[in-house]
Amino acid sequence: MDTPSQTASDTIPQLLAEYVSQLSTWRSERLQKLHNLIVANFPDTSLSMKYRMPTCALGDGWVALASQQSYLSLYTCAREHIQPYLDRHPSVKCGTGCLNFRDSDDIAFEDLRPVIASALKMRSR
């Protein structure tokens, strides 16, 4: 179940705070929760802005977060990374290597762990 306010109060880096400051509270909390999930599982990631998106990198691996007009996106740039999530949640909108969550969608945050791990570990070898 999607309950972003439960962990959204965690301290976030200034760069991410600036990015989410212009979003609605709901979007801001969801994006922060995605970031917290990444950092909790991969504390050695570095955060930067690439293509105007907060991007978490580990070695050559990365995932990026973005707030689009109608949805929140998690970018990995490879279908193989997002496929396990799509297998469990086929109604989620997606691109070639990204998941797009509409504001009305529930996000199964725990099911995103393998997506993030695949994207960060695959390229960091």
C-alpha atoms as a PDB file:
ATOM      1  CA  MET A   1       0.000   0.000   0.000  1.00  0.00           C
ATOM      2  CA  ASP A   2       1.227   3.468  -0.848  1.00  0.00           C
ATOM      3  CA  THR A   3       1.680   5.485   2.344  1.00  0.00           C
ATOM      4  CA  PRO A   4       4.437   7.984   1.573  1.00  0.00           C
ATOM      5  CA  SER A   5       3.991  10.127   4.651  1.00  0.00           C
ATOM      6  CA  GLN A   6       5.279   7.307   6.864  1.00  0.00           C
ATOM      7  CA  THR A   7       8.884   7.792   5.747  1.00  0.00           C
ATOM      8  CA  ALA A   8       8.827  11.091   3.880  1.00  0.00           C
ATOM      9  CA  SER A   9       9.885  13.009   6.981  1.00  0.00           C
ATOM     10  CA  ASP A  10      13.421  11.566   6.742  1.00  0.00           C
ATOM     11  CA  THR A  11      16.159  14.111   6.152  1.00  0.00           C
ATOM     12  CA  ILE A  12      16.865  14.597   2.466  1.00  0.00           C
ATOM     13  CA  PRO A  13      19.818  16.189   0.686  1.00  0.00           C
ATOM     14  CA  GLN A  14      19.523  19.857  -0.266  1.00  0.00           C
ATOM     15  CA  LEU A  15      19.582  19.003  -3.966  1.00  0.00           C
ATOM     16  CA  LEU A  16      16.506  16.801  -3.602  1.00  0.00           C
ATOM     17  CA  ALA A  17      14.830  19.305  -1.272  1.00  0.00           C
ATOM     18  CA  GLU A  18      15.131  21.959  -3.971  1.00  0.00           C
ATOM     19  CA  TYR A  19      13.687  19.611  -6.594  1.00  0.00           C
ATOM     20  CA  VAL A  20      10.664  18.579  -4.512  1.00  0.00           C
ATOM     21  CA  SER A  21       9.984  22.082  -3.153  1.00  0.00           C
ATOM     22  CA  GLN A  22       8.032  22.921  -6.286  1.00  0.00           C
ATOM     23  CA  LEU A  23       5.903  19.779  -6.211  1.00  0.00           C
ATOM     24  CA  SER A  24       2.596  19.121  -4.519  1.00  0.00           C
ATOM     25  CA  THR A  25       2.876  17.626  -1.050  1.00  0.00           C
ATOM     26  CA  TRP A  26       1.651  14.260  -2.351  1.00  0.00           C
ATOM     27  CA  ARG A  27       4.227  14.156  -5.175  1.00  0.00           C
ATOM     28  CA  SER A  28       6.984  15.420  -2.905  1.00  0.00           C
ATOM     29  CA  GLU A  29       6.329  12.712  -0.318  1.00  0.00           C
ATOM     30  CA  ARG A  30       6.234   9.946  -2.928  1.00  0.00           C
ATOM     31  CA  LEU A  31       9.455  11.096  -4.575  1.00  0.00           C
ATOM     32  CA  GLN A  32      11.172  11.372  -1.204  1.00  0.00           C
ATOM     33  CA  LYS A  33      10.011   7.887  -0.307  1.00  0.00           C
ATOM     34  CA  LEU A  34      11.512   6.540  -3.542  1.00  0.00           C
ATOM     35  CA  HIS A  35      14.779   8.299  -2.754  1.00  0.00           C
ATOM     36  CA  ASN A  36      14.757   6.948   0.812  1.00  0.00           C
ATOM     37  CA  LEU A  37      14.207   3.422  -0.538  1.00  0.00           C
ATOM     38  CA  ILE A  38      17.243   3.778  -2.803  1.00  0.00           C
ATOM     39  CA  VAL A  39      19.479   5.163  -0.051  1.00  0.00           C
ATOM     40  CA  ALA A  40      18.306   2.602   2.513  1.00  0.00           C
ATOM     41  CA  ASN A  41      19.313  -0.245   0.216  1.00  0.00           C
ATOM     42  CA  PHE A  42      22.359   1.396  -1.376  1.00  0.00           C
ATOM     43  CA  PRO A  43      23.774   3.912   1.114  1.00  0.00           C
ATOM     44  CA  ASP A  44      26.900   4.455  -0.998  1.00  0.00           C
ATOM     45  CA  THR A  45      24.978   5.988  -3.895  1.00  0.00           C
ATOM     46  CA  SER A  46      25.789   9.549  -4.852  1.00  0.00           C
ATOM     47  CA  LEU A  47      23.035  12.012  -5.699  1.00  0.00           C
ATOM     48  CA  SER A  48      23.356  14.482  -8.553  1.00  0.00           C
ATOM     49  CA  MET A  49      21.190  16.198 -11.146  1.00  0.00           C
ATOM     50  CA  LYS A  50      21.363  14.702 -14.634  1.00  0.00           C
ATOM     51  CA  TYR A  51      19.011  15.815 -17.361  1.00  0.00           C
ATOM     52  CA  ARG A  52      17.238  17.909 -14.688  1.00  0.00           C
ATOM     53  CA  MET A  53      16.381  14.765 -12.678  1.00  0.00           C
ATOM     54  CA  PRO A  54      17.680  13.657  -9.275  1.00  0.00           C
ATOM     55  CA  THR A  55      19.930  10.723 -10.134  1.00  0.00           C
ATOM     56  CA  CYS A  56      21.383   8.178  -7.731  1.00  0.00           C
ATOM     57  CA  ALA A  57      24.564   6.555  -9.008  1.00  0.00           C
ATOM     58  CA  LEU A  58      26.723   3.695  -7.803  1.00  0.00           C
ATOM     59  CA  GLY A  59      29.741   3.005  -9.994  1.00  0.00           C
ATOM     60  CA  ASP A  60      28.401   3.045 -13.530  1.00  0.00           C
ATOM     61  CA  GLY A  61      24.891   2.087 -12.373  1.00  0.00           C
ATOM     62  CA  TRP A  62      22.162   4.645 -11.820  1.00  0.00           C
ATOM     63  CA  VAL A  63      18.460   5.294 -11.328  1.00  0.00           C
ATOM     64  CA  ALA A  64      16.767   8.651 -11.804  1.00  0.00           C
ATOM     65  CA  LEU A  65      13.579  10.105 -10.367  1.00  0.00           C
ATOM     66  CA  ALA A  66      11.353  12.631 -12.078  1.00  0.00           C
ATOM     67  CA  SER A  67       8.075  14.394 -11.610  1.00  0.00           C
ATOM     68  CA  GLN A  68       6.314  14.633 -14.951  1.00  0.00           C
ATOM     69  CA  GLN A  69       3.062  16.410 -15.700  1.00  0.00           C
ATOM     70  CA  SER A  70       0.835  13.412 -14.946  1.00  0.00           C
ATOM     71  CA  TYR A  71       3.061  10.987 -13.104  1.00  0.00           C
ATOM     72  CA  LEU A  72       6.190  10.235 -11.106  1.00  0.00           C
ATOM     73  CA  SER A  73       8.880   8.264 -12.942  1.00  0.00           C
ATOM     74  CA  LEU A  74      11.674   5.901 -11.967  1.00  0.00           C
ATOM     75  CA  TYR A  75      14.203   5.658 -14.805  1.00  0.00           C
ATOM     76  CA  THR A  76      16.623   2.763 -15.295  1.00  0.00           C
ATOM     77  CA  CYS A  77      16.994   2.870 -19.105  1.00  0.00           C
ATOM     78  CA  ALA A  78      16.680  -0.892 -19.572  1.00  0.00           C
ATOM     79  CA  ARG A  79      13.559  -3.006 -19.793  1.00  0.00           C
ATOM     80  CA  GLU A  80      15.313  -5.905 -18.063  1.00  0.00           C
ATOM     81  CA  HIS A  81      15.496  -3.843 -14.853  1.00  0.00           C
ATOM     82  CA  ILE A  82      11.796  -2.962 -14.719  1.00  0.00           C
ATOM     83  CA  GLN A  83      10.347  -6.224 -16.066  1.00  0.00           C
ATOM     84  CA  PRO A  84      10.047  -7.993 -12.675  1.00  0.00           C
ATOM     85  CA  TYR A  85       7.937  -5.095 -11.387  1.00  0.00           C
ATOM     86  CA  LEU A  86       5.774  -5.122 -14.512  1.00  0.00           C
ATOM     87  CA  ASP A  87       5.263  -8.870 -14.179  1.00  0.00           C
ATOM     88  CA  ARG A  88       3.753  -8.291 -10.719  1.00  0.00           C
ATOM     89  CA  HIS A  89       1.997  -5.015 -11.596  1.00  0.00           C
ATOM     90  CA  PRO A  90       1.010  -5.143 -15.288  1.00  0.00           C
ATOM     91  CA  SER A  91      -1.255  -2.085 -15.111  1.00  0.00           C
ATOM     92  CA  VAL A  92       1.654   0.279 -14.360  1.00  0.00           C
ATOM     93  CA  LYS A  93       2.445   2.627 -17.217  1.00  0.00           C
ATOM     94  CA  CYS A  94       5.997   2.259 -18.473  1.00  0.00           C
ATOM     95  CA  GLY A  95       8.503   3.261 -21.098  1.00  0.00           C
ATOM     96  CA  THR A  96      11.427   1.261 -22.422  1.00  0.00           C
ATOM     97  CA  GLY A  97      13.314   1.418 -19.132  1.00  0.00           C
ATOM     98  CA  CYS A  98      11.141   3.472 -16.825  1.00  0.00           C
ATOM     99  CA  LEU A  99       8.094   3.083 -14.617  1.00  0.00           C
ATOM    100  CA  ASN A 100       5.525   5.885 -14.570  1.00  0.00           C
ATOM    101  CA  PHE A 101       3.254   6.131 -11.553  1.00  0.00           C
ATOM    102  CA  ARG A 102       0.137   8.259 -11.894  1.00  0.00           C
ATOM    103  CA  ASP A 103      -0.935  10.193  -8.825  1.00  0.00           C
ATOM    104  CA  SER A 104      -3.872   7.803  -8.415  1.00  0.00           C
ATOM    105  CA  ASP A 105      -1.667   4.672  -8.627  1.00  0.00           C
ATOM    106  CA  ASP A 106      -0.551   2.795  -5.559  1.00  0.00           C
ATOM    107  CA  ILE A 107       3.191   2.205  -5.608  1.00  0.00           C
ATOM    108  CA  ALA A 108       4.370  -1.151  -4.287  1.00  0.00           C
ATOM    109  CA  PHE A 109       7.595   0.301  -2.901  1.00  0.00           C
ATOM    110  CA  GLU A 110       8.922  -3.041  -1.642  1.00  0.00           C
ATOM    111  CA  ASP A 111       8.559  -4.501  -5.134  1.00  0.00           C
ATOM    112  CA  LEU A 112      10.842  -1.752  -6.458  1.00  0.00           C
ATOM    113  CA  ARG A 113      13.851  -3.094  -4.515  1.00  0.00           C
ATOM    114  CA  PRO A 114      14.839  -5.601  -7.251  1.00  0.00           C
ATOM    115  CA  VAL A 115      14.383  -2.942  -9.944  1.00  0.00           C
ATOM    116  CA  ILE A 116      16.744  -0.577  -8.151  1.00  0.00           C
ATOM    117  CA  ALA A 117      19.209  -3.356  -7.327  1.00  0.00           C
ATOM    118  CA  SER A 118      19.290  -4.536 -10.927  1.00  0.00           C
ATOM    119  CA  ALA A 119      19.871  -1.038 -12.310  1.00  0.00           C
ATOM    120  CA  LEU A 120      22.600  -0.143  -9.809  1.00  0.00           C
ATOM    121  CA  LYS A 121      24.399  -3.484  -9.656  1.00  0.00           C
ATOM    122  CA  MET A 122      24.196  -4.394 -13.338  1.00  0.00           C
ATOM    123  CA  ARG A 123      26.229  -1.443 -14.460  1.00  0.00           C
ATOM    124  CA  SER A 124      28.482  -1.130 -11.400  1.00  0.00           C
ATOM    125  CA  ARG A 125      30.379  -4.367 -12.078  1.00  0.00           C
END
